[in-house]
N, C-alpha and C. Protein backbone atom coordinates (compact mmCIF):
# COMPACT_ATOMS: atom_id res chain seq x y z
N MET A 1 -107.48 32.67 38.21
CA MET A 1 -107.04 33.96 38.68
C MET A 1 -106.02 33.75 39.78
N ASP A 2 -104.91 34.43 39.67
CA ASP A 2 -103.84 34.32 40.66
C ASP A 2 -103.96 35.50 41.62
N ILE A 3 -104.39 35.23 42.84
CA ILE A 3 -104.54 36.29 43.84
C ILE A 3 -103.51 36.07 44.92
N ARG A 4 -102.81 37.13 45.26
CA ARG A 4 -101.81 37.07 46.31
C ARG A 4 -102.20 38.04 47.40
N ASN A 5 -102.17 37.59 48.59
CA ASN A 5 -102.54 38.42 49.72
C ASN A 5 -101.30 38.64 50.57
N GLN A 6 -100.95 39.88 50.75
CA GLN A 6 -99.76 40.18 51.55
C GLN A 6 -100.11 41.00 52.78
N SER A 7 -101.35 41.00 53.16
CA SER A 7 -101.73 41.77 54.34
C SER A 7 -101.03 41.20 55.57
N GLY A 8 -100.61 42.06 56.41
CA GLY A 8 -99.93 41.67 57.62
C GLY A 8 -98.42 41.52 57.47
N ASN A 9 -97.91 41.56 56.27
CA ASN A 9 -96.47 41.46 56.08
C ASN A 9 -95.80 42.77 56.49
N LYS A 10 -94.64 42.64 57.05
CA LYS A 10 -93.86 43.82 57.44
C LYS A 10 -92.44 43.64 56.94
N VAL A 11 -91.87 44.75 56.52
CA VAL A 11 -90.50 44.72 56.03
C VAL A 11 -89.78 45.94 56.57
N GLU A 12 -88.57 45.76 57.08
CA GLU A 12 -87.80 46.91 57.57
C GLU A 12 -86.94 47.48 56.45
N ASN A 13 -86.29 46.65 55.69
CA ASN A 13 -85.48 47.09 54.55
C ASN A 13 -85.85 46.23 53.36
N GLY A 14 -86.04 46.85 52.22
CA GLY A 14 -86.33 46.08 51.01
C GLY A 14 -87.76 46.26 50.56
N ASP A 15 -88.21 45.33 49.72
CA ASP A 15 -89.53 45.41 49.11
C ASP A 15 -90.32 44.16 49.39
N ILE A 16 -91.63 44.29 49.35
CA ILE A 16 -92.52 43.13 49.33
C ILE A 16 -93.07 43.09 47.91
N VAL A 17 -92.85 41.98 47.25
CA VAL A 17 -93.26 41.86 45.86
C VAL A 17 -94.24 40.72 45.73
N GLY A 18 -95.35 40.97 45.07
CA GLY A 18 -96.33 39.91 44.82
C GLY A 18 -96.28 39.53 43.36
N GLY A 19 -95.23 38.99 42.91
CA GLY A 19 -95.05 38.64 41.50
C GLY A 19 -93.60 38.81 41.14
N ASN A 20 -93.34 39.25 39.94
CA ASN A 20 -91.96 39.42 39.48
C ASN A 20 -91.48 40.84 39.76
N LYS A 21 -90.26 40.95 40.17
CA LYS A 21 -89.64 42.25 40.37
C LYS A 21 -88.50 42.37 39.36
N HIS A 22 -88.56 43.43 38.58
CA HIS A 22 -87.52 43.67 37.57
C HIS A 22 -86.74 44.90 37.98
N ILE A 23 -85.44 44.77 38.01
CA ILE A 23 -84.56 45.89 38.36
C ILE A 23 -83.64 46.14 37.18
N THR A 24 -83.59 47.40 36.76
CA THR A 24 -82.68 47.79 35.70
C THR A 24 -81.70 48.78 36.28
N ASN A 25 -80.45 48.44 36.24
CA ASN A 25 -79.39 49.34 36.70
C ASN A 25 -78.67 49.88 35.49
N ILE A 26 -78.57 51.20 35.43
CA ILE A 26 -77.81 51.84 34.37
C ILE A 26 -76.55 52.37 35.01
N VAL A 27 -75.44 51.84 34.56
CA VAL A 27 -74.16 52.21 35.13
C VAL A 27 -73.38 53.01 34.10
N SER A 28 -72.97 54.18 34.49
CA SER A 28 -72.15 55.00 33.61
C SER A 28 -70.69 54.61 33.79
N SER A 29 -70.01 54.51 32.68
CA SER A 29 -68.59 54.14 32.76
C SER A 29 -67.76 55.28 33.33
N GLY A 30 -68.35 56.48 33.35
CA GLY A 30 -67.61 57.63 33.85
C GLY A 30 -66.58 58.13 32.84
N LYS A 31 -66.47 57.45 31.74
CA LYS A 31 -65.50 57.83 30.71
C LYS A 31 -66.07 58.98 29.89
N LYS A 32 -65.30 60.03 29.76
CA LYS A 32 -65.72 61.19 28.99
C LYS A 32 -65.47 60.95 27.51
N THR A 33 -66.35 61.52 26.71
CA THR A 33 -66.15 61.45 25.27
C THR A 33 -65.05 62.42 24.87
N LYS A 34 -64.58 62.26 23.67
CA LYS A 34 -63.53 63.15 23.17
C LYS A 34 -64.02 64.59 23.16
N LEU A 35 -65.27 64.80 22.74
CA LEU A 35 -65.81 66.15 22.68
C LEU A 35 -65.90 66.77 24.08
N ALA A 36 -66.39 66.01 25.06
CA ALA A 36 -66.47 66.50 26.43
C ALA A 36 -65.08 66.83 26.96
N HIS A 37 -64.11 65.99 26.64
CA HIS A 37 -62.73 66.23 27.07
C HIS A 37 -62.18 67.51 26.44
N LEU A 38 -62.48 67.73 25.15
CA LEU A 38 -62.01 68.94 24.48
C LEU A 38 -62.62 70.19 25.12
N PHE A 39 -63.92 70.14 25.43
CA PHE A 39 -64.55 71.29 26.07
C PHE A 39 -63.95 71.54 27.46
N GLU A 40 -63.63 70.47 28.18
CA GLU A 40 -63.01 70.61 29.50
C GLU A 40 -61.63 71.27 29.37
N ARG A 41 -60.83 70.80 28.41
CA ARG A 41 -59.52 71.39 28.16
C ARG A 41 -59.63 72.85 27.75
N LEU A 42 -60.64 73.15 26.90
CA LEU A 42 -60.83 74.52 26.45
C LEU A 42 -61.13 75.44 27.63
N LYS A 43 -62.01 75.01 28.51
CA LYS A 43 -62.35 75.84 29.67
C LYS A 43 -61.10 76.14 30.48
N SER A 44 -60.28 75.13 30.73
CA SER A 44 -59.05 75.31 31.49
C SER A 44 -58.10 76.27 30.77
N GLU A 45 -57.89 76.06 29.49
CA GLU A 45 -56.96 76.89 28.72
C GLU A 45 -57.49 78.32 28.56
N PHE A 46 -58.81 78.45 28.41
CA PHE A 46 -59.42 79.78 28.30
C PHE A 46 -59.27 80.53 29.62
N ASP A 47 -59.54 79.85 30.73
CA ASP A 47 -59.41 80.48 32.06
C ASP A 47 -57.98 80.94 32.32
N GLN A 48 -57.01 80.19 31.80
CA GLN A 48 -55.60 80.52 31.99
C GLN A 48 -55.04 81.37 30.85
N ASN A 49 -55.91 81.72 29.90
CA ASN A 49 -55.51 82.48 28.71
C ASN A 49 -54.30 81.84 28.02
N ASN A 50 -54.37 80.53 27.88
CA ASN A 50 -53.30 79.72 27.32
C ASN A 50 -53.48 79.64 25.79
N ARG A 51 -53.06 80.68 25.11
CA ARG A 51 -53.27 80.79 23.67
C ARG A 51 -52.12 80.18 22.87
N ILE A 52 -52.44 79.80 21.65
CA ILE A 52 -51.41 79.39 20.70
C ILE A 52 -51.39 80.41 19.56
N SER A 53 -50.38 80.36 18.73
CA SER A 53 -50.24 81.41 17.72
C SER A 53 -50.66 80.99 16.32
N GLN A 54 -50.94 79.71 16.12
CA GLN A 54 -51.27 79.25 14.77
C GLN A 54 -52.62 78.55 14.74
N VAL A 55 -53.21 78.58 13.57
CA VAL A 55 -54.45 77.86 13.34
C VAL A 55 -54.10 76.50 12.75
N SER A 56 -54.71 75.46 13.27
CA SER A 56 -54.41 74.10 12.81
C SER A 56 -54.81 73.91 11.35
N ASP A 57 -54.16 72.98 10.70
CA ASP A 57 -54.49 72.65 9.32
C ASP A 57 -55.94 72.19 9.20
N GLU A 58 -56.40 71.45 10.19
CA GLU A 58 -57.77 70.91 10.18
C GLU A 58 -58.80 72.03 10.18
N LEU A 59 -58.61 73.05 10.99
CA LEU A 59 -59.55 74.17 11.03
C LEU A 59 -59.35 75.07 9.82
N GLU A 60 -58.11 75.25 9.42
CA GLU A 60 -57.81 76.13 8.29
C GLU A 60 -58.47 75.67 6.99
N LYS A 61 -58.63 74.36 6.84
CA LYS A 61 -59.24 73.88 5.59
C LYS A 61 -60.68 74.35 5.43
N TYR A 62 -61.34 74.67 6.55
CA TYR A 62 -62.70 75.21 6.47
C TYR A 62 -62.71 76.73 6.41
N SER A 63 -61.63 77.36 6.84
CA SER A 63 -61.57 78.82 6.94
C SER A 63 -61.08 79.51 5.68
N ILE A 64 -60.36 78.80 4.85
CA ILE A 64 -59.83 79.40 3.63
C ILE A 64 -60.85 79.19 2.50
N PRO A 65 -61.28 80.28 1.88
CA PRO A 65 -62.27 80.16 0.79
C PRO A 65 -61.75 79.32 -0.37
N ARG A 66 -62.64 78.51 -0.93
CA ARG A 66 -62.27 77.68 -2.08
C ARG A 66 -62.40 78.46 -3.37
N ASP A 67 -63.22 79.50 -3.38
CA ASP A 67 -63.27 80.44 -4.50
C ASP A 67 -63.74 81.78 -3.96
N VAL A 68 -63.92 82.76 -4.82
CA VAL A 68 -64.16 84.12 -4.35
C VAL A 68 -65.60 84.60 -4.54
N ILE A 69 -66.52 83.68 -4.76
CA ILE A 69 -67.90 84.09 -5.03
C ILE A 69 -68.54 84.73 -3.80
N GLY A 70 -68.40 84.13 -2.64
CA GLY A 70 -68.96 84.69 -1.42
C GLY A 70 -70.39 84.26 -1.15
N LEU A 71 -70.82 84.46 0.08
CA LEU A 71 -72.12 84.03 0.56
C LEU A 71 -73.28 84.66 -0.22
N GLU A 72 -73.27 85.98 -0.33
CA GLU A 72 -74.40 86.67 -0.96
C GLU A 72 -74.61 86.20 -2.39
N GLN A 73 -73.53 86.10 -3.15
CA GLN A 73 -73.64 85.69 -4.54
C GLN A 73 -74.10 84.23 -4.65
N LYS A 74 -73.59 83.38 -3.76
CA LYS A 74 -74.00 81.96 -3.78
C LYS A 74 -75.49 81.83 -3.53
N LEU A 75 -76.00 82.55 -2.54
CA LEU A 75 -77.44 82.48 -2.25
C LEU A 75 -78.26 83.12 -3.37
N SER A 76 -77.77 84.21 -3.92
CA SER A 76 -78.45 84.87 -5.03
C SER A 76 -78.52 83.95 -6.25
N ASP A 77 -77.41 83.28 -6.56
CA ASP A 77 -77.38 82.34 -7.68
C ASP A 77 -78.37 81.19 -7.49
N ALA A 78 -78.63 80.85 -6.23
CA ALA A 78 -79.56 79.75 -5.93
C ALA A 78 -81.01 80.25 -5.81
N GLY A 79 -81.23 81.55 -6.07
CA GLY A 79 -82.58 82.08 -5.95
C GLY A 79 -83.03 82.24 -4.51
N LYS A 80 -82.10 82.40 -3.62
CA LYS A 80 -82.41 82.51 -2.18
C LYS A 80 -82.12 83.92 -1.67
N GLN A 81 -82.49 84.94 -2.46
CA GLN A 81 -82.23 86.32 -2.07
C GLN A 81 -82.89 86.66 -0.73
N ASP A 82 -84.02 86.02 -0.44
CA ASP A 82 -84.72 86.28 0.82
C ASP A 82 -83.94 85.82 2.04
N LYS A 83 -82.94 84.98 1.85
CA LYS A 83 -82.13 84.47 2.96
C LYS A 83 -80.86 85.28 3.21
N ILE A 84 -80.51 86.17 2.31
CA ILE A 84 -79.19 86.82 2.35
C ILE A 84 -78.96 87.59 3.64
N LEU A 85 -79.86 88.45 4.06
CA LEU A 85 -79.63 89.25 5.27
C LEU A 85 -79.49 88.39 6.51
N ASN A 86 -80.39 87.46 6.69
CA ASN A 86 -80.33 86.59 7.86
C ASN A 86 -79.09 85.70 7.80
N ALA A 87 -78.79 85.16 6.64
CA ALA A 87 -77.62 84.28 6.49
C ALA A 87 -76.33 85.04 6.78
N ALA A 88 -76.24 86.28 6.31
CA ALA A 88 -75.04 87.10 6.57
C ALA A 88 -74.91 87.36 8.07
N TRP A 89 -76.02 87.63 8.74
CA TRP A 89 -75.98 87.86 10.19
C TRP A 89 -75.56 86.60 10.93
N LEU A 90 -76.16 85.45 10.57
CA LEU A 90 -75.81 84.18 11.22
C LEU A 90 -74.33 83.85 11.02
N LYS A 91 -73.87 84.03 9.79
CA LYS A 91 -72.45 83.77 9.48
C LYS A 91 -71.55 84.66 10.33
N GLU A 92 -71.90 85.94 10.43
CA GLU A 92 -71.09 86.89 11.20
C GLU A 92 -71.07 86.55 12.68
N GLN A 93 -72.21 86.15 13.22
CA GLN A 93 -72.28 85.79 14.64
C GLN A 93 -71.41 84.56 14.93
N TYR A 94 -71.49 83.57 14.06
CA TYR A 94 -70.64 82.40 14.24
C TYR A 94 -69.16 82.78 14.08
N PHE A 95 -68.85 83.58 13.07
CA PHE A 95 -67.47 83.97 12.81
C PHE A 95 -66.86 84.70 14.01
N LYS A 96 -67.65 85.53 14.68
CA LYS A 96 -67.16 86.23 15.88
C LYS A 96 -66.78 85.23 16.96
N LYS A 97 -67.60 84.20 17.14
CA LYS A 97 -67.30 83.20 18.16
C LYS A 97 -66.07 82.38 17.76
N LEU A 98 -65.98 82.05 16.49
CA LEU A 98 -64.83 81.30 16.00
C LEU A 98 -63.54 82.10 16.23
N THR A 99 -63.54 83.37 15.86
CA THR A 99 -62.31 84.16 16.01
C THR A 99 -61.97 84.42 17.47
N LYS A 100 -62.96 84.53 18.33
CA LYS A 100 -62.70 84.75 19.75
C LYS A 100 -61.93 83.58 20.36
N PHE A 101 -62.22 82.36 19.88
CA PHE A 101 -61.64 81.16 20.48
C PHE A 101 -60.63 80.44 19.59
N GLN A 102 -60.34 80.98 18.41
CA GLN A 102 -59.52 80.24 17.45
C GLN A 102 -58.08 80.01 17.88
N PHE A 103 -57.58 80.75 18.84
CA PHE A 103 -56.19 80.55 19.25
C PHE A 103 -56.07 79.73 20.54
N PHE A 104 -57.09 78.93 20.78
CA PHE A 104 -57.04 77.92 21.84
C PHE A 104 -57.13 76.58 21.14
N GLU A 105 -56.11 75.76 21.32
CA GLU A 105 -56.02 74.49 20.59
C GLU A 105 -57.28 73.63 20.69
N PRO A 106 -57.86 73.43 21.88
CA PRO A 106 -59.07 72.59 21.95
C PRO A 106 -60.23 73.20 21.17
N ALA A 107 -60.33 74.53 21.16
CA ALA A 107 -61.40 75.19 20.40
C ALA A 107 -61.24 74.92 18.91
N GLN A 108 -60.00 74.92 18.43
CA GLN A 108 -59.77 74.61 17.02
C GLN A 108 -60.26 73.21 16.70
N GLU A 109 -59.96 72.27 17.58
CA GLU A 109 -60.41 70.89 17.35
C GLU A 109 -61.93 70.78 17.40
N ILE A 110 -62.55 71.49 18.33
CA ILE A 110 -64.02 71.47 18.44
C ILE A 110 -64.65 72.05 17.19
N HIS A 111 -64.17 73.23 16.78
CA HIS A 111 -64.74 73.88 15.59
C HIS A 111 -64.52 73.03 14.34
N ALA A 112 -63.34 72.48 14.17
CA ALA A 112 -63.06 71.64 13.00
C ALA A 112 -63.98 70.43 12.99
N PHE A 113 -64.17 69.81 14.15
CA PHE A 113 -65.06 68.65 14.24
C PHE A 113 -66.50 69.03 13.90
N LEU A 114 -66.99 70.11 14.49
CA LEU A 114 -68.38 70.52 14.25
C LEU A 114 -68.59 71.01 12.82
N LEU A 115 -67.64 71.75 12.27
CA LEU A 115 -67.77 72.19 10.88
C LEU A 115 -67.76 70.99 9.93
N GLY A 116 -66.93 70.01 10.22
CA GLY A 116 -66.92 68.79 9.42
C GLY A 116 -68.24 68.05 9.50
N LEU A 117 -68.81 68.01 10.68
CA LEU A 117 -70.12 67.36 10.88
C LEU A 117 -71.21 68.10 10.11
N VAL A 118 -71.22 69.42 10.21
CA VAL A 118 -72.21 70.23 9.49
C VAL A 118 -72.06 70.01 7.98
N LEU A 119 -70.83 70.07 7.48
CA LEU A 119 -70.58 69.92 6.05
C LEU A 119 -71.03 68.54 5.55
N THR A 120 -70.67 67.51 6.28
CA THR A 120 -71.04 66.15 5.87
C THR A 120 -72.55 65.96 5.87
N LYS A 121 -73.21 66.42 6.92
CA LYS A 121 -74.67 66.28 6.98
C LYS A 121 -75.35 67.10 5.89
N PHE A 122 -74.85 68.30 5.64
CA PHE A 122 -75.45 69.12 4.58
C PHE A 122 -75.29 68.42 3.24
N ASN A 123 -74.08 67.96 2.94
CA ASN A 123 -73.84 67.34 1.63
C ASN A 123 -74.60 66.03 1.45
N ASN A 124 -74.80 65.27 2.53
CA ASN A 124 -75.44 63.97 2.41
C ASN A 124 -76.96 64.00 2.59
N ILE A 125 -77.48 65.03 3.25
CA ILE A 125 -78.92 65.09 3.51
C ILE A 125 -79.59 66.25 2.79
N ILE A 126 -79.04 67.44 2.93
CA ILE A 126 -79.70 68.64 2.41
C ILE A 126 -79.45 68.84 0.92
N TYR A 127 -78.21 68.68 0.49
CA TYR A 127 -77.91 68.93 -0.92
C TYR A 127 -78.70 68.00 -1.86
N PRO A 128 -78.86 66.72 -1.53
CA PRO A 128 -79.73 65.90 -2.39
C PRO A 128 -81.17 66.42 -2.44
N MET A 129 -81.65 67.01 -1.36
CA MET A 129 -83.00 67.60 -1.36
C MET A 129 -83.06 68.81 -2.29
N ILE A 130 -81.99 69.60 -2.31
CA ILE A 130 -81.92 70.74 -3.21
C ILE A 130 -81.98 70.25 -4.65
N ASN A 131 -81.23 69.18 -4.95
CA ASN A 131 -81.23 68.62 -6.31
C ASN A 131 -82.58 68.04 -6.71
N GLU A 132 -83.38 67.64 -5.71
CA GLU A 132 -84.72 67.08 -5.99
C GLU A 132 -85.81 68.14 -5.91
N ASN A 133 -85.40 69.42 -5.87
CA ASN A 133 -86.35 70.55 -5.83
C ASN A 133 -87.26 70.54 -4.61
N ALA A 134 -86.75 70.11 -3.46
CA ALA A 134 -87.54 70.16 -2.22
C ALA A 134 -87.86 71.62 -1.90
N SER A 135 -88.96 71.83 -1.22
CA SER A 135 -89.37 73.19 -0.87
C SER A 135 -88.43 73.78 0.19
N ASP A 136 -88.39 75.11 0.24
CA ASP A 136 -87.58 75.78 1.25
C ASP A 136 -88.03 75.40 2.66
N VAL A 137 -89.33 75.20 2.81
CA VAL A 137 -89.88 74.81 4.12
C VAL A 137 -89.34 73.44 4.53
N GLU A 138 -89.36 72.49 3.62
CA GLU A 138 -88.87 71.14 3.94
C GLU A 138 -87.36 71.16 4.17
N ILE A 139 -86.64 71.91 3.38
CA ILE A 139 -85.19 72.02 3.56
C ILE A 139 -84.88 72.63 4.92
N GLY A 140 -85.58 73.70 5.28
CA GLY A 140 -85.37 74.32 6.59
C GLY A 140 -85.68 73.38 7.74
N LYS A 141 -86.75 72.62 7.58
CA LYS A 141 -87.13 71.64 8.61
C LYS A 141 -86.04 70.59 8.77
N GLN A 142 -85.51 70.09 7.67
CA GLN A 142 -84.47 69.06 7.72
C GLN A 142 -83.15 69.61 8.24
N ILE A 143 -82.85 70.87 7.94
CA ILE A 143 -81.64 71.49 8.50
C ILE A 143 -81.75 71.50 10.02
N SER A 144 -82.92 71.88 10.52
CA SER A 144 -83.13 71.88 11.98
C SER A 144 -83.04 70.48 12.55
N GLU A 145 -83.79 69.54 11.95
CA GLU A 145 -83.90 68.19 12.51
C GLU A 145 -82.65 67.34 12.32
N GLN A 146 -81.93 67.53 11.22
CA GLN A 146 -80.81 66.66 10.91
C GLN A 146 -79.44 67.26 11.21
N ILE A 147 -79.38 68.58 11.33
CA ILE A 147 -78.08 69.21 11.58
C ILE A 147 -78.07 69.95 12.92
N ILE A 148 -78.88 70.98 13.03
CA ILE A 148 -78.80 71.86 14.20
C ILE A 148 -79.16 71.14 15.50
N ASP A 149 -80.36 70.56 15.56
CA ASP A 149 -80.81 69.91 16.80
C ASP A 149 -79.88 68.79 17.26
N PRO A 150 -79.46 67.87 16.38
CA PRO A 150 -78.56 66.80 16.84
C PRO A 150 -77.21 67.31 17.36
N ILE A 151 -76.68 68.37 16.76
CA ILE A 151 -75.39 68.88 17.22
C ILE A 151 -75.54 69.56 18.58
N VAL A 152 -76.59 70.34 18.74
CA VAL A 152 -76.84 70.97 20.05
C VAL A 152 -77.05 69.89 21.10
N LYS A 153 -77.81 68.86 20.76
CA LYS A 153 -78.06 67.75 21.69
C LYS A 153 -76.75 67.02 22.02
N LEU A 154 -75.92 66.83 21.04
CA LEU A 154 -74.62 66.18 21.23
C LEU A 154 -73.79 66.94 22.27
N ILE A 155 -73.75 68.24 22.13
CA ILE A 155 -72.97 69.06 23.06
C ILE A 155 -73.58 68.99 24.47
N GLN A 156 -74.90 69.07 24.55
CA GLN A 156 -75.57 69.06 25.85
C GLN A 156 -75.52 67.70 26.52
N GLU A 157 -75.79 66.63 25.78
CA GLU A 157 -75.87 65.30 26.36
C GLU A 157 -74.52 64.75 26.78
N GLU A 158 -73.47 65.21 26.17
CA GLU A 158 -72.15 64.71 26.54
C GLU A 158 -71.60 65.46 27.75
N GLY A 159 -72.43 66.31 28.34
CA GLY A 159 -72.00 67.01 29.55
C GLY A 159 -70.86 67.98 29.30
N CYS A 160 -70.84 68.55 28.13
CA CYS A 160 -69.76 69.46 27.78
C CYS A 160 -69.92 70.77 28.54
N ASP A 161 -68.86 71.24 29.14
CA ASP A 161 -68.83 72.53 29.80
C ASP A 161 -68.46 73.54 28.72
N ASP A 162 -69.47 74.01 28.01
CA ASP A 162 -69.27 74.79 26.80
C ASP A 162 -68.99 76.26 27.12
N VAL A 163 -67.73 76.60 27.32
CA VAL A 163 -67.33 77.97 27.62
C VAL A 163 -67.61 78.90 26.44
N MET A 164 -67.69 78.35 25.22
CA MET A 164 -67.98 79.17 24.05
C MET A 164 -69.46 79.54 23.97
N GLY A 165 -70.31 78.74 24.62
CA GLY A 165 -71.74 79.01 24.58
C GLY A 165 -72.35 78.78 23.21
N LEU A 166 -71.96 77.70 22.55
CA LEU A 166 -72.48 77.41 21.22
C LEU A 166 -73.99 77.19 21.30
N SER A 167 -74.70 77.85 20.43
CA SER A 167 -76.16 77.80 20.43
C SER A 167 -76.66 77.28 19.08
N PRO A 168 -77.97 77.01 18.99
CA PRO A 168 -78.51 76.63 17.68
C PRO A 168 -78.23 77.68 16.61
N THR A 169 -78.24 78.95 16.99
CA THR A 169 -77.93 80.03 16.05
C THR A 169 -76.51 79.89 15.52
N ASP A 170 -75.58 79.51 16.40
CA ASP A 170 -74.19 79.33 15.95
C ASP A 170 -74.06 78.17 14.99
N ILE A 171 -74.78 77.07 15.26
CA ILE A 171 -74.71 75.91 14.35
C ILE A 171 -75.30 76.30 12.99
N ASP A 172 -76.41 77.04 13.01
CA ASP A 172 -76.99 77.56 11.76
C ASP A 172 -75.98 78.46 11.06
N GLY A 173 -75.28 79.28 11.82
CA GLY A 173 -74.25 80.16 11.25
C GLY A 173 -73.12 79.40 10.60
N MET A 174 -72.81 78.21 11.13
CA MET A 174 -71.77 77.37 10.52
C MET A 174 -72.13 77.02 9.08
N ILE A 175 -73.41 76.79 8.84
CA ILE A 175 -73.86 76.45 7.48
C ILE A 175 -73.53 77.60 6.53
N TYR A 176 -73.83 78.82 6.95
CA TYR A 176 -73.59 79.97 6.08
C TYR A 176 -72.11 80.38 6.04
N PHE A 177 -71.39 80.10 7.10
CA PHE A 177 -69.94 80.28 7.08
C PHE A 177 -69.34 79.36 6.02
N LEU A 178 -69.75 78.10 6.04
CA LEU A 178 -69.25 77.14 5.05
C LEU A 178 -69.73 77.49 3.65
N THR A 179 -70.91 78.06 3.53
CA THR A 179 -71.40 78.51 2.22
C THR A 179 -70.51 79.64 1.71
N GLY A 180 -70.22 80.60 2.57
CA GLY A 180 -69.38 81.74 2.19
C GLY A 180 -67.97 81.33 1.82
N GLN A 181 -67.50 80.23 2.40
CA GLN A 181 -66.16 79.73 2.09
C GLN A 181 -66.22 78.75 0.90
N CYS A 182 -67.40 78.60 0.32
CA CYS A 182 -67.62 77.78 -0.88
C CYS A 182 -67.44 76.28 -0.62
N HIS A 183 -67.74 75.84 0.58
CA HIS A 183 -67.75 74.42 0.88
C HIS A 183 -69.15 73.84 0.69
N ILE A 184 -70.17 74.68 0.85
CA ILE A 184 -71.56 74.27 0.70
C ILE A 184 -72.16 74.96 -0.50
N LYS A 185 -72.89 74.18 -1.30
CA LYS A 185 -73.56 74.71 -2.49
C LYS A 185 -75.07 74.68 -2.27
N TRP A 186 -75.75 75.72 -2.75
CA TRP A 186 -77.21 75.78 -2.70
C TRP A 186 -77.82 75.69 -4.10
N VAL A 187 -76.97 75.57 -5.12
CA VAL A 187 -77.44 75.49 -6.50
C VAL A 187 -77.42 74.04 -6.93
N LYS A 188 -78.47 73.63 -7.65
CA LYS A 188 -78.54 72.26 -8.15
C LYS A 188 -77.36 71.97 -9.06
N SER A 189 -76.93 70.71 -9.01
CA SER A 189 -75.82 70.32 -9.90
C SER A 189 -76.34 69.88 -11.25
């Protein structure tokens, strides 16, 4: 048995250690991520009402419908009639936020990046589940865990000063916005 007695020791600065002392220093580089930088630019441009007149090609590719079926018909075709009212509301709430900020260049980049992330995650994670006849409960759980929560966490953890106030509801609305624009399918292939 290894017994160490340190009674009577005095220290003015520092530590008295009876064994090993491990110190872990976490040093931040102070370097902002691209997303944090975009949110910072957006806040500045929004505060100065520094608008542009055109929508970028990157954002426009998500905003222009690929066909004319629409959200309600897409969900109905997939047997998801119970989702139509909520999905239409979520889509509309997101669309309002998109249009409010669409003429600020950094906002266009943020929305294009996030819509691309939502689309990629949906196509690679959720759509295969739809093709495998996963339950609506499991699909909803995976949408939350694999799409909504990570994106909200990404915005929060990167210290983004989010003047748009993007919420989990907005990220969910992106899914239905993309569905309405025919980028996301809910019907098995």
